[in-house]
């Protein structure tokens, strides 16, 4: 499984995820699935809030 942060916005970020599998009795690697996840920072009321800066 491979993942990376594609984009960071003010209140959200996009994570890209890929899963690869090695086929039985071969060296062949094939991508079996992929997804983009949008993660949104929420406050106590469930409303978007700014993402804290990295330290």
N, C-alpha and C. Protein backbone atom coordinates (compact mmCIF):
# COMPACT_ATOMS: atom_id res chain seq x y z
N UNK A 1 0.86 -1.17 0.00
CA UNK A 1 0.00 0.00 0.00
C UNK A 1 0.90 1.23 0.00
N UNK A 2 0.59 2.16 -0.89
CA UNK A 2 1.33 3.42 -1.00
C UNK A 2 0.36 4.57 -0.82
N UNK A 3 0.80 5.61 -0.13
CA UNK A 3 -0.05 6.77 0.06
C UNK A 3 0.80 8.03 0.12
N UNK A 4 0.19 9.14 -0.26
CA UNK A 4 0.86 10.43 -0.11
C UNK A 4 -0.20 11.53 -0.04
N UNK A 5 0.21 12.64 0.56
CA UNK A 5 -0.67 13.81 0.65
C UNK A 5 -0.59 14.53 -0.69
N UNK A 6 -1.70 14.59 -1.39
CA UNK A 6 -1.76 15.22 -2.70
C UNK A 6 -1.87 16.74 -2.59
N UNK A 7 -2.70 17.18 -1.62
CA UNK A 7 -2.94 18.62 -1.50
C UNK A 7 -3.37 18.93 -0.07
N UNK A 8 -2.94 20.08 0.43
CA UNK A 8 -3.39 20.57 1.73
C UNK A 8 -4.00 21.94 1.52
N UNK A 9 -5.24 22.08 1.94
CA UNK A 9 -5.93 23.36 1.85
C UNK A 9 -6.04 24.01 3.22
N UNK A 10 -6.94 24.96 3.34
CA UNK A 10 -7.11 25.66 4.60
C UNK A 10 -7.81 24.80 5.65
N UNK A 11 -8.84 24.03 5.22
CA UNK A 11 -9.59 23.20 6.16
C UNK A 11 -9.60 21.72 5.79
N UNK A 12 -8.96 21.36 4.68
CA UNK A 12 -9.01 19.97 4.24
C UNK A 12 -7.70 19.56 3.56
N UNK A 13 -7.57 18.24 3.38
CA UNK A 13 -6.43 17.70 2.63
C UNK A 13 -6.90 16.50 1.84
N UNK A 14 -6.19 16.20 0.75
CA UNK A 14 -6.50 15.06 -0.10
C UNK A 14 -5.35 14.06 0.01
N UNK A 15 -5.69 12.82 0.36
CA UNK A 15 -4.72 11.73 0.44
C UNK A 15 -4.97 10.77 -0.71
N UNK A 16 -3.93 10.40 -1.42
CA UNK A 16 -4.03 9.41 -2.50
C UNK A 16 -3.50 8.09 -1.97
N UNK A 17 -4.23 7.01 -2.24
CA UNK A 17 -3.86 5.68 -1.77
C UNK A 17 -3.91 4.71 -2.95
N UNK A 18 -2.88 3.86 -3.06
CA UNK A 18 -2.84 2.80 -4.06
C UNK A 18 -2.48 1.50 -3.36
N UNK A 19 -3.11 0.41 -3.78
CA UNK A 19 -2.76 -0.92 -3.28
C UNK A 19 -2.30 -1.77 -4.46
N UNK A 20 -1.15 -2.42 -4.28
CA UNK A 20 -0.56 -3.26 -5.32
C UNK A 20 -0.45 -4.69 -4.80
N UNK A 21 -0.53 -5.65 -5.71
CA UNK A 21 -0.40 -7.07 -5.34
C UNK A 21 0.56 -7.76 -6.29
N UNK A 22 1.36 -8.66 -5.72
CA UNK A 22 2.23 -9.49 -6.55
C UNK A 22 1.46 -10.75 -6.90
N UNK A 23 1.38 -11.03 -8.18
CA UNK A 23 0.64 -12.21 -8.64
C UNK A 23 1.37 -13.49 -8.24
N UNK A 24 0.60 -14.48 -7.89
CA UNK A 24 1.11 -15.76 -7.40
C UNK A 24 2.08 -16.39 -8.40
N UNK A 25 3.24 -16.77 -7.91
CA UNK A 25 4.30 -17.45 -8.67
C UNK A 25 4.87 -16.62 -9.81
N UNK A 26 4.74 -15.30 -9.75
CA UNK A 26 5.34 -14.42 -10.76
C UNK A 26 5.94 -13.21 -10.06
N UNK A 27 6.69 -12.43 -10.82
CA UNK A 27 7.21 -11.17 -10.31
C UNK A 27 6.30 -10.00 -10.69
N UNK A 28 5.19 -10.30 -11.34
CA UNK A 28 4.28 -9.25 -11.82
C UNK A 28 3.57 -8.55 -10.67
N UNK A 29 3.71 -7.22 -10.63
CA UNK A 29 2.99 -6.40 -9.65
C UNK A 29 1.88 -5.66 -10.39
N UNK A 30 0.67 -5.72 -9.85
CA UNK A 30 -0.47 -5.04 -10.46
C UNK A 30 -1.18 -4.17 -9.44
N UNK A 31 -1.59 -2.98 -9.87
CA UNK A 31 -2.39 -2.13 -9.00
C UNK A 31 -3.79 -2.73 -8.92
N UNK A 32 -4.25 -3.00 -7.69
CA UNK A 32 -5.54 -3.64 -7.52
C UNK A 32 -6.64 -2.68 -7.11
N UNK A 33 -6.25 -1.54 -6.55
CA UNK A 33 -7.26 -0.52 -6.22
C UNK A 33 -6.56 0.80 -5.94
N UNK A 34 -7.33 1.87 -6.01
CA UNK A 34 -6.81 3.19 -5.68
C UNK A 34 -7.97 4.06 -5.21
N UNK A 35 -7.65 5.09 -4.45
CA UNK A 35 -8.69 5.98 -3.94
C UNK A 35 -8.09 7.33 -3.58
N UNK A 36 -8.93 8.35 -3.62
CA UNK A 36 -8.60 9.68 -3.12
C UNK A 36 -9.49 9.93 -1.91
N UNK A 37 -8.89 10.24 -0.78
CA UNK A 37 -9.63 10.52 0.44
C UNK A 37 -9.54 12.00 0.76
N UNK A 38 -10.67 12.63 0.98
CA UNK A 38 -10.71 14.03 1.38
C UNK A 38 -10.98 14.05 2.88
N UNK A 39 -10.02 14.59 3.63
CA UNK A 39 -10.13 14.68 5.08
C UNK A 39 -10.38 16.14 5.44
N UNK A 40 -11.42 16.40 6.22
CA UNK A 40 -11.78 17.76 6.61
C UNK A 40 -11.65 17.90 8.12
N UNK A 41 -10.94 18.94 8.58
CA UNK A 41 -10.82 19.23 10.01
C UNK A 41 -12.14 19.84 10.48
N UNK A 42 -12.69 19.31 11.57
CA UNK A 42 -13.97 19.80 12.09
C UNK A 42 -13.81 20.29 13.52
N UNK A 43 -14.61 21.31 13.85
CA UNK A 43 -14.63 21.80 15.23
C UNK A 43 -15.63 20.98 16.04
N UNK A 44 -15.86 21.35 17.28
CA UNK A 44 -16.77 20.64 18.17
C UNK A 44 -18.21 20.63 17.71
N UNK A 45 -18.57 21.55 16.82
CA UNK A 45 -19.94 21.62 16.29
C UNK A 45 -20.06 20.95 14.92
N UNK A 46 -18.97 20.32 14.47
CA UNK A 46 -19.01 19.64 13.18
C UNK A 46 -18.82 20.55 11.98
N UNK A 47 -18.35 21.77 12.22
CA UNK A 47 -18.11 22.72 11.13
C UNK A 47 -16.62 22.72 10.77
N UNK A 48 -16.30 22.93 9.48
CA UNK A 48 -14.88 22.96 9.08
C UNK A 48 -14.10 24.01 9.87
N UNK A 49 -12.86 23.65 10.24
CA UNK A 49 -11.98 24.58 10.93
C UNK A 49 -10.61 24.53 10.27
N UNK A 50 -9.80 25.56 10.42
CA UNK A 50 -8.47 25.56 9.79
C UNK A 50 -7.60 24.40 10.30
N UNK A 51 -6.82 23.85 9.38
CA UNK A 51 -5.88 22.79 9.73
C UNK A 51 -4.71 23.44 10.46
N UNK A 52 -4.29 22.88 11.61
CA UNK A 52 -3.14 23.46 12.32
C UNK A 52 -1.88 23.42 11.45
N UNK A 53 -1.05 24.44 11.57
CA UNK A 53 0.21 24.50 10.83
C UNK A 53 1.15 23.41 11.32
N UNK A 54 2.01 22.91 10.43
CA UNK A 54 3.02 21.92 10.83
C UNK A 54 4.05 22.59 11.71
N UNK A 55 4.56 21.83 12.67
CA UNK A 55 5.60 22.40 13.54
C UNK A 55 6.94 21.82 13.22
